[in-house]
Amino acid sequence: MSPNEVNRDFVIDIIDRTNIDRKKVNLQPLKENSALNYAAYLRAKDILDNPKLFHLKIIIKLFKLESQ
């Protein structure tokens, strides 16, 4: 999967939700960054593929990031 194939709507939703909380504590909003989006995707995939990280796998599944 390339950085362009990461679900952009999902990424924008996470950034928007994060910015709501950042605004509450007077922090600058986050901006989309395709390289960081892809790095986050790879980390989530790594967590899903690694049985030792089961506790994080549950969180990712809740956010529906599990790869098909």
C-alpha atoms as a PDB file:
ATOM      1  CA  MET A   1       0.000   0.000   0.000  1.00  0.00           C
ATOM      2  CA  SER A   2       1.340   3.416  -0.908  1.00  0.00           C
ATOM      3  CA  PRO A   3       0.896   6.652   1.075  1.00  0.00           C
ATOM      4  CA  ASN A   4      -1.761   7.681  -1.446  1.00  0.00           C
ATOM      5  CA  GLU A   5      -3.805   4.588  -0.664  1.00  0.00           C
ATOM      6  CA  VAL A   6      -4.157   5.301   3.047  1.00  0.00           C
ATOM      7  CA  ASN A   7      -7.806   6.095   3.742  1.00  0.00           C
ATOM      8  CA  ARG A   8      -7.707   9.896   3.521  1.00  0.00           C
ATOM      9  CA  ASP A   9     -11.210  10.413   4.967  1.00  0.00           C
ATOM     10  CA  PHE A  10     -10.211   8.444   8.053  1.00  0.00           C
ATOM     11  CA  VAL A  11      -6.972  10.421   8.397  1.00  0.00           C
ATOM     12  CA  ILE A  12      -8.789  13.758   8.109  1.00  0.00           C
ATOM     13  CA  ASP A  13     -11.336  12.624  10.703  1.00  0.00           C
ATOM     14  CA  ILE A  14      -8.585  11.725  13.195  1.00  0.00           C
ATOM     15  CA  ILE A  15      -6.799  15.036  12.591  1.00  0.00           C
ATOM     16  CA  ASP A  16     -10.062  16.969  13.038  1.00  0.00           C
ATOM     17  CA  ARG A  17     -10.872  15.161  16.293  1.00  0.00           C
ATOM     18  CA  THR A  18      -7.357  15.705  17.580  1.00  0.00           C
ATOM     19  CA  ASN A  19      -7.523  19.400  16.722  1.00  0.00           C
ATOM     20  CA  ILE A  20     -10.702  19.799  18.769  1.00  0.00           C
ATOM     21  CA  ASP A  21      -8.775  18.680  21.853  1.00  0.00           C
ATOM     22  CA  ARG A  22      -5.679  20.691  20.921  1.00  0.00           C
ATOM     23  CA  LYS A  23      -7.784  23.848  20.634  1.00  0.00           C
ATOM     24  CA  LYS A  24      -9.104  23.303  24.186  1.00  0.00           C
ATOM     25  CA  VAL A  25      -5.546  23.594  25.519  1.00  0.00           C
ATOM     26  CA  ASN A  26      -4.493  26.422  23.185  1.00  0.00           C
ATOM     27  CA  LEU A  27      -2.255  24.319  20.927  1.00  0.00           C
ATOM     28  CA  GLN A  28      -1.811  24.934  17.214  1.00  0.00           C
ATOM     29  CA  PRO A  29      -3.846  22.614  14.988  1.00  0.00           C
ATOM     30  CA  LEU A  30      -2.227  19.661  13.292  1.00  0.00           C
ATOM     31  CA  LYS A  31      -1.969  19.618   9.502  1.00  0.00           C
ATOM     32  CA  GLU A  32      -2.115  16.611   7.235  1.00  0.00           C
ATOM     33  CA  ASN A  33       1.266  15.201   6.218  1.00  0.00           C
ATOM     34  CA  SER A  34       1.305  12.316   3.756  1.00  0.00           C
ATOM     35  CA  ALA A  35       4.651  10.955   4.967  1.00  0.00           C
ATOM     36  CA  LEU A  36       3.443  10.872   8.568  1.00  0.00           C
ATOM     37  CA  ASN A  37       0.112   9.374   7.491  1.00  0.00           C
ATOM     38  CA  TYR A  38       1.993   6.518   5.854  1.00  0.00           C
ATOM     39  CA  ALA A  39       4.290   6.056   8.849  1.00  0.00           C
ATOM     40  CA  ALA A  40       1.229   5.802  11.089  1.00  0.00           C
ATOM     41  CA  TYR A  41      -0.289   3.260   8.721  1.00  0.00           C
ATOM     42  CA  LEU A  42       2.881   1.148   8.805  1.00  0.00           C
ATOM     43  CA  ARG A  43       2.986   1.281  12.611  1.00  0.00           C
ATOM     44  CA  ALA A  44      -0.649   0.227  12.869  1.00  0.00           C
ATOM     45  CA  LYS A  45       0.014  -2.642  10.450  1.00  0.00           C
ATOM     46  CA  ASP A  46       3.057  -3.672  12.496  1.00  0.00           C
ATOM     47  CA  ILE A  47       0.954  -3.741  15.656  1.00  0.00           C
ATOM     48  CA  LEU A  48      -1.724  -5.840  13.950  1.00  0.00           C
ATOM     49  CA  ASP A  49       0.879  -8.309  12.681  1.00  0.00           C
ATOM     50  CA  ASN A  50       2.731  -8.648  16.019  1.00  0.00           C
ATOM     51  CA  PRO A  51       1.036 -10.910  18.600  1.00  0.00           C
ATOM     52  CA  LYS A  52       3.097  -9.368  21.422  1.00  0.00           C
ATOM     53  CA  LEU A  53       1.268  -6.077  20.876  1.00  0.00           C
ATOM     54  CA  PHE A  54      -2.209  -7.549  21.406  1.00  0.00           C
ATOM     55  CA  HIS A  55      -3.289  -4.760  23.763  1.00  0.00           C
ATOM     56  CA  LEU A  56      -2.739  -2.193  20.994  1.00  0.00           C
ATOM     57  CA  LYS A  57      -4.337  -4.465  18.408  1.00  0.00           C
ATOM     58  CA  ILE A  58      -7.671  -4.176  20.225  1.00  0.00           C
ATOM     59  CA  ILE A  59      -7.549  -0.377  20.009  1.00  0.00           C
ATOM     60  CA  ILE A  60      -6.726  -0.444  16.309  1.00  0.00           C
ATOM     61  CA  LYS A  61      -9.571  -2.843  15.599  1.00  0.00           C
ATOM     62  CA  LEU A  62     -11.921  -0.491  17.407  1.00  0.00           C
ATOM     63  CA  PHE A  63     -10.841   2.248  15.000  1.00  0.00           C
ATOM     64  CA  LYS A  64     -11.302  -0.173  12.065  1.00  0.00           C
ATOM     65  CA  LEU A  65      -7.704   0.077  10.874  1.00  0.00           C
ATOM     66  CA  GLU A  66      -7.276  -3.648  10.485  1.00  0.00           C
ATOM     67  CA  SER A  67      -6.060  -4.470   6.998  1.00  0.00           C
ATOM     68  CA  GLN A  68      -8.223  -6.630   4.777  1.00  0.00           C
END
